[in-house]
């Protein structure tokens, strides 16, 4: 899964939960940015590149999203 695919799936989760999802490009170095889902935030690397399983699990944990919700 790449960053754009993750954002698309997180938008669905946010809609189901009634929470606000925001991607802030300026909050990160280079191609990195910040994803905020409700009150929780995490950093995401380049949206066009693949996200490894370990990093994906860590990001979902930081956002409070269960992998089954995706």
Protein backbone atom coordinates (compact mmCIF):
# COMPACT_ATOMS: atom_id res chain seq x y z
CA UNK A 1 0.00 0.00 0.00
CA UNK A 2 1.35 3.44 -0.85
CA UNK A 3 0.65 6.72 0.92
CA UNK A 4 -2.15 7.83 -1.41
CA UNK A 5 -3.98 4.52 -0.94
CA UNK A 6 -3.62 4.84 2.84
CA UNK A 7 -5.03 8.38 2.78
CA UNK A 8 -8.02 7.21 0.74
CA UNK A 9 -8.75 4.42 3.24
CA UNK A 10 -8.26 6.72 6.22
CA UNK A 11 -10.78 9.17 4.72
CA UNK A 12 -13.38 6.38 4.76
CA UNK A 13 -12.53 5.55 8.38
CA UNK A 14 -12.81 9.22 9.34
CA UNK A 15 -16.21 9.50 7.63
CA UNK A 16 -17.49 6.40 9.44
CA UNK A 17 -16.27 7.72 12.79
CA UNK A 18 -17.41 11.29 12.16
CA UNK A 19 -13.86 12.58 12.70
CA UNK A 20 -11.79 15.09 10.77
CA UNK A 21 -8.86 13.86 8.63
CA UNK A 22 -6.18 16.28 7.51
CA UNK A 23 -2.89 15.88 5.62
CA UNK A 24 -0.45 18.73 6.19
CA UNK A 25 2.36 18.80 3.62
CA UNK A 26 4.35 21.56 5.30
CA UNK A 27 4.72 19.64 8.58
CA UNK A 28 7.56 17.42 7.49
CA UNK A 29 10.92 17.51 5.81
CA UNK A 30 11.12 16.97 2.04
CA UNK A 31 8.33 14.70 0.85
CA UNK A 32 7.13 13.92 4.39
CA UNK A 33 3.89 15.26 5.83
CA UNK A 34 1.62 14.91 8.84
CA UNK A 35 -1.68 13.03 8.95
CA UNK A 36 -4.12 14.02 11.69
CA UNK A 37 -7.18 11.89 12.39
CA UNK A 38 -9.24 13.58 15.05
CA UNK A 39 -6.83 14.46 17.88
CA UNK A 40 -4.12 11.94 16.89
CA UNK A 41 -1.31 12.62 14.40
CA UNK A 42 1.50 10.73 12.70
CA UNK A 43 4.17 11.46 10.09
CA UNK A 44 3.92 9.96 6.62
CA UNK A 45 6.72 9.64 4.10
CA UNK A 46 6.34 10.17 0.35
CA UNK A 47 2.72 9.47 -0.66
CA UNK A 48 3.80 7.82 -3.92
CA UNK A 49 6.08 5.20 -2.36
CA UNK A 50 5.17 1.90 -0.72
CA UNK A 51 4.77 1.82 3.06
CA UNK A 52 6.35 -1.19 4.78
CA UNK A 53 4.27 -3.41 7.08
CA UNK A 54 6.06 -2.32 10.25
CA UNK A 55 5.76 1.38 9.46
CA UNK A 56 2.11 0.97 8.45
CA UNK A 57 1.29 -0.79 11.73
CA UNK A 58 3.09 1.91 13.73
CA UNK A 59 1.24 4.70 11.88
CA UNK A 60 -2.14 3.04 12.40
CA UNK A 61 -1.38 2.54 16.09
CA UNK A 62 -0.46 6.22 16.46
CA UNK A 63 -3.73 7.20 14.77
CA UNK A 64 -5.78 4.75 16.85
CA UNK A 65 -6.98 2.78 13.82
CA UNK A 66 -7.28 -1.01 13.80
CA UNK A 67 -5.97 -2.66 10.63
CA UNK A 68 -9.35 -4.40 10.21
CA UNK A 69 -11.03 -0.99 9.83
CA UNK A 70 -9.16 -0.44 6.58
